[in-house]
N, C-alpha and C. Protein backbone atom coordinates (compact mmCIF):
# COMPACT_ATOMS: atom_id res chain seq x y z
N MET A 1 42.72 248.82 89.71
CA MET A 1 42.64 247.84 88.64
C MET A 1 43.11 248.48 87.32
N LYS A 2 43.83 247.73 86.55
CA LYS A 2 44.32 248.24 85.26
C LYS A 2 43.17 248.43 84.29
N ASP A 3 43.38 249.33 83.33
CA ASP A 3 42.43 249.51 82.23
C ASP A 3 42.62 248.33 81.28
N VAL A 4 41.81 247.30 81.47
CA VAL A 4 41.98 246.04 80.74
C VAL A 4 41.90 246.27 79.23
N LYS A 5 40.86 246.98 78.79
CA LYS A 5 40.69 247.24 77.36
C LYS A 5 41.91 247.97 76.80
N GLY A 6 42.38 248.97 77.54
CA GLY A 6 43.54 249.75 77.10
C GLY A 6 44.79 248.90 76.97
N VAL A 7 45.00 247.99 77.92
CA VAL A 7 46.16 247.11 77.88
C VAL A 7 46.07 246.18 76.67
N ILE A 8 44.88 245.61 76.43
CA ILE A 8 44.70 244.70 75.30
C ILE A 8 44.95 245.44 73.99
N VAL A 9 44.39 246.63 73.86
CA VAL A 9 44.58 247.42 72.63
C VAL A 9 46.06 247.73 72.43
N LYS A 10 46.74 248.11 73.49
CA LYS A 10 48.18 248.43 73.39
C LYS A 10 48.97 247.21 72.91
N ILE A 11 48.71 246.06 73.50
CA ILE A 11 49.43 244.84 73.13
C ILE A 11 49.17 244.48 71.66
N ILE A 12 47.90 244.55 71.24
CA ILE A 12 47.57 244.21 69.86
C ILE A 12 48.15 245.22 68.89
N ALA A 13 48.07 246.50 69.23
CA ALA A 13 48.62 247.54 68.35
C ALA A 13 50.13 247.34 68.16
N GLU A 14 50.83 247.07 69.25
CA GLU A 14 52.28 246.83 69.14
C GLU A 14 52.56 245.61 68.29
N TYR A 15 51.79 244.55 68.48
CA TYR A 15 51.98 243.30 67.74
C TYR A 15 51.78 243.51 66.24
N LEU A 16 50.76 244.32 65.90
CA LEU A 16 50.44 244.56 64.49
C LEU A 16 51.19 245.77 63.91
N ASP A 17 52.01 246.42 64.75
CA ASP A 17 52.74 247.61 64.34
C ASP A 17 51.78 248.69 63.82
N LYS A 18 50.74 248.94 64.61
CA LYS A 18 49.73 249.96 64.28
C LYS A 18 49.60 250.93 65.45
N GLU A 19 48.94 252.04 65.19
CA GLU A 19 48.62 252.98 66.26
C GLU A 19 47.43 252.43 67.05
N GLU A 20 47.40 252.70 68.35
CA GLU A 20 46.28 252.23 69.17
C GLU A 20 44.95 252.74 68.64
N SER A 21 44.94 253.96 68.08
CA SER A 21 43.70 254.54 67.55
C SER A 21 43.17 253.78 66.34
N GLU A 22 44.01 252.95 65.72
CA GLU A 22 43.58 252.16 64.56
C GLU A 22 42.88 250.86 64.96
N ILE A 23 42.91 250.53 66.25
CA ILE A 23 42.35 249.28 66.73
C ILE A 23 40.99 249.53 67.35
N SER A 24 39.94 248.95 66.77
CA SER A 24 38.58 249.11 67.28
C SER A 24 38.27 247.97 68.24
N VAL A 25 37.75 248.31 69.41
CA VAL A 25 37.45 247.28 70.41
C VAL A 25 36.24 246.44 70.02
N THR A 26 35.47 246.91 69.04
CA THR A 26 34.28 246.16 68.62
C THR A 26 34.51 245.34 67.36
N SER A 27 35.66 245.51 66.71
CA SER A 27 35.98 244.69 65.54
C SER A 27 36.38 243.29 66.00
N THR A 28 36.11 242.30 65.15
CA THR A 28 36.54 240.95 65.50
C THR A 28 38.05 240.85 65.33
N PHE A 29 38.63 239.84 65.97
CA PHE A 29 40.07 239.65 65.86
C PHE A 29 40.48 239.47 64.40
N SER A 30 39.69 238.73 63.63
CA SER A 30 40.04 238.52 62.22
C SER A 30 39.93 239.82 61.42
N GLU A 31 38.98 240.69 61.78
CA GLU A 31 38.83 241.98 61.09
C GLU A 31 40.05 242.88 61.31
N ILE A 32 40.72 242.73 62.44
CA ILE A 32 41.90 243.57 62.68
C ILE A 32 43.18 242.88 62.26
N GLY A 33 43.04 241.69 61.65
CA GLY A 33 44.20 241.03 61.05
C GLY A 33 44.86 239.96 61.88
N LEU A 34 44.14 239.40 62.85
CA LEU A 34 44.72 238.36 63.71
C LEU A 34 44.15 236.99 63.37
N ASP A 35 45.03 236.00 63.26
CA ASP A 35 44.55 234.63 63.10
C ASP A 35 44.66 233.92 64.45
N SER A 36 44.26 232.66 64.49
CA SER A 36 44.21 231.95 65.78
C SER A 36 45.59 231.82 66.43
N LEU A 37 46.64 231.66 65.64
CA LEU A 37 47.98 231.57 66.22
C LEU A 37 48.42 232.90 66.80
N ASP A 38 48.09 233.99 66.11
CA ASP A 38 48.39 235.33 66.64
C ASP A 38 47.69 235.51 67.98
N ILE A 39 46.42 235.12 68.02
CA ILE A 39 45.62 235.32 69.23
C ILE A 39 46.22 234.54 70.40
N MET A 40 46.64 233.30 70.16
CA MET A 40 47.23 232.50 71.24
C MET A 40 48.51 233.16 71.77
N GLU A 41 49.33 233.67 70.87
CA GLU A 41 50.56 234.35 71.28
C GLU A 41 50.24 235.61 72.09
N LEU A 42 49.25 236.36 71.63
CA LEU A 42 48.86 237.59 72.33
C LEU A 42 48.24 237.29 73.68
N VAL A 43 47.46 236.22 73.77
CA VAL A 43 46.83 235.85 75.03
C VAL A 43 47.90 235.57 76.09
N MET A 44 48.97 234.89 75.69
CA MET A 44 50.06 234.63 76.64
C MET A 44 50.65 235.94 77.16
N GLN A 45 50.84 236.90 76.27
CA GLN A 45 51.37 238.20 76.66
C GLN A 45 50.38 238.94 77.57
N MET A 46 49.10 238.87 77.23
CA MET A 46 48.07 239.53 78.04
C MET A 46 47.99 238.92 79.44
N GLN A 47 48.09 237.61 79.53
CA GLN A 47 48.04 236.94 80.83
C GLN A 47 49.17 237.44 81.72
N GLU A 48 50.34 237.61 81.12
CA GLU A 48 51.50 238.09 81.88
C GLU A 48 51.30 239.55 82.31
N GLU A 49 50.88 240.37 81.36
CA GLU A 49 50.71 241.81 81.61
C GLU A 49 49.59 242.09 82.62
N LEU A 50 48.49 241.33 82.52
CA LEU A 50 47.32 241.57 83.37
C LEU A 50 47.26 240.64 84.58
N ASP A 51 48.25 239.75 84.69
CA ASP A 51 48.31 238.80 85.80
C ASP A 51 46.99 238.05 85.96
N CYS A 52 46.59 237.37 84.89
CA CYS A 52 45.34 236.62 84.91
C CYS A 52 45.47 235.38 84.04
N LYS A 53 44.48 234.52 84.13
CA LYS A 53 44.41 233.33 83.27
C LYS A 53 43.27 233.54 82.31
N ILE A 54 43.54 233.41 81.02
CA ILE A 54 42.51 233.64 80.01
C ILE A 54 42.15 232.32 79.34
N GLU A 55 40.90 231.93 79.47
CA GLU A 55 40.40 230.73 78.81
C GLU A 55 39.50 231.21 77.68
N LEU A 56 40.03 231.22 76.47
CA LEU A 56 39.26 231.71 75.33
C LEU A 56 38.28 230.67 74.84
N SER A 57 37.15 231.15 74.38
CA SER A 57 36.18 230.29 73.73
C SER A 57 35.85 230.93 72.38
N GLN A 58 35.15 230.20 71.55
CA GLN A 58 34.82 230.74 70.23
C GLN A 58 33.86 231.90 70.31
N GLU A 59 33.18 232.06 71.45
CA GLU A 59 32.25 233.19 71.60
C GLU A 59 33.00 234.51 71.81
N ILE A 60 34.26 234.44 72.23
CA ILE A 60 35.05 235.65 72.45
C ILE A 60 35.73 236.01 71.14
N THR A 61 35.17 237.02 70.47
CA THR A 61 35.69 237.37 69.14
C THR A 61 36.16 238.81 69.02
N THR A 62 35.93 239.62 70.07
CA THR A 62 36.33 241.03 70.02
C THR A 62 37.13 241.40 71.27
N ILE A 63 37.83 242.52 71.19
CA ILE A 63 38.58 243.03 72.34
C ILE A 63 37.62 243.34 73.48
N GLU A 64 36.48 243.91 73.14
CA GLU A 64 35.49 244.28 74.16
C GLU A 64 35.04 243.04 74.95
N GLN A 65 34.74 241.94 74.25
CA GLN A 65 34.32 240.71 74.91
C GLN A 65 35.45 240.13 75.76
N LEU A 66 36.66 240.17 75.23
CA LEU A 66 37.82 239.66 75.97
C LEU A 66 38.05 240.47 77.24
N ALA A 67 37.93 241.79 77.14
CA ALA A 67 38.12 242.66 78.30
C ALA A 67 37.08 242.36 79.38
N LYS A 68 35.82 242.14 78.97
CA LYS A 68 34.77 241.81 79.93
C LYS A 68 35.08 240.50 80.64
N LEU A 69 35.54 239.50 79.89
CA LEU A 69 35.89 238.21 80.47
C LEU A 69 36.99 238.37 81.53
N ILE A 70 38.03 239.10 81.19
CA ILE A 70 39.15 239.31 82.12
C ILE A 70 38.70 240.08 83.35
N GLU A 71 37.89 241.14 83.15
CA GLU A 71 37.41 241.94 84.28
C GLU A 71 36.56 241.09 85.21
N GLN A 72 35.71 240.22 84.66
CA GLN A 72 34.89 239.34 85.50
C GLN A 72 35.78 238.41 86.32
N GLN A 73 36.80 237.87 85.68
CA GLN A 73 37.71 236.97 86.38
C GLN A 73 38.47 237.70 87.49
N GLN A 74 38.88 238.94 87.20
CA GLN A 74 39.62 239.71 88.20
C GLN A 74 38.75 240.10 89.38
N LEU A 75 37.46 240.24 89.15
CA LEU A 75 36.54 240.59 90.23
C LEU A 75 36.04 239.35 90.96
N GLY A 76 36.51 238.20 90.52
CA GLY A 76 36.10 236.96 91.16
C GLY A 76 34.76 236.45 90.67
N GLY A 77 34.30 237.02 89.56
CA GLY A 77 33.03 236.59 88.99
C GLY A 77 33.17 235.32 88.20
N ILE A 78 32.08 234.89 87.66
CA ILE A 78 32.08 233.68 86.84
C ILE A 78 32.48 234.07 85.43
N SER A 79 33.35 233.29 84.81
CA SER A 79 33.79 233.63 83.45
C SER A 79 32.66 233.42 82.47
N ALA A 80 32.67 234.24 81.42
CA ALA A 80 31.61 234.19 80.41
C ALA A 80 31.79 233.00 79.49
């Protein structure tokens, strides 16, 4: 299984033209400079890269929460 958190951080870092070390997995998307349109664009890229379907909700506000959601879906668990 891919390192989901690592893939998400890489995609966001490239999108924001930042180093991966500058992206905190516990910061909210808005804290790292992403608005809702940015997030939708990134989600499409993440779905392709991670071969998954991501259904975002307002409760998913950090990379860490998003990674957990994707990992649960990949394991066949119930989405958060």
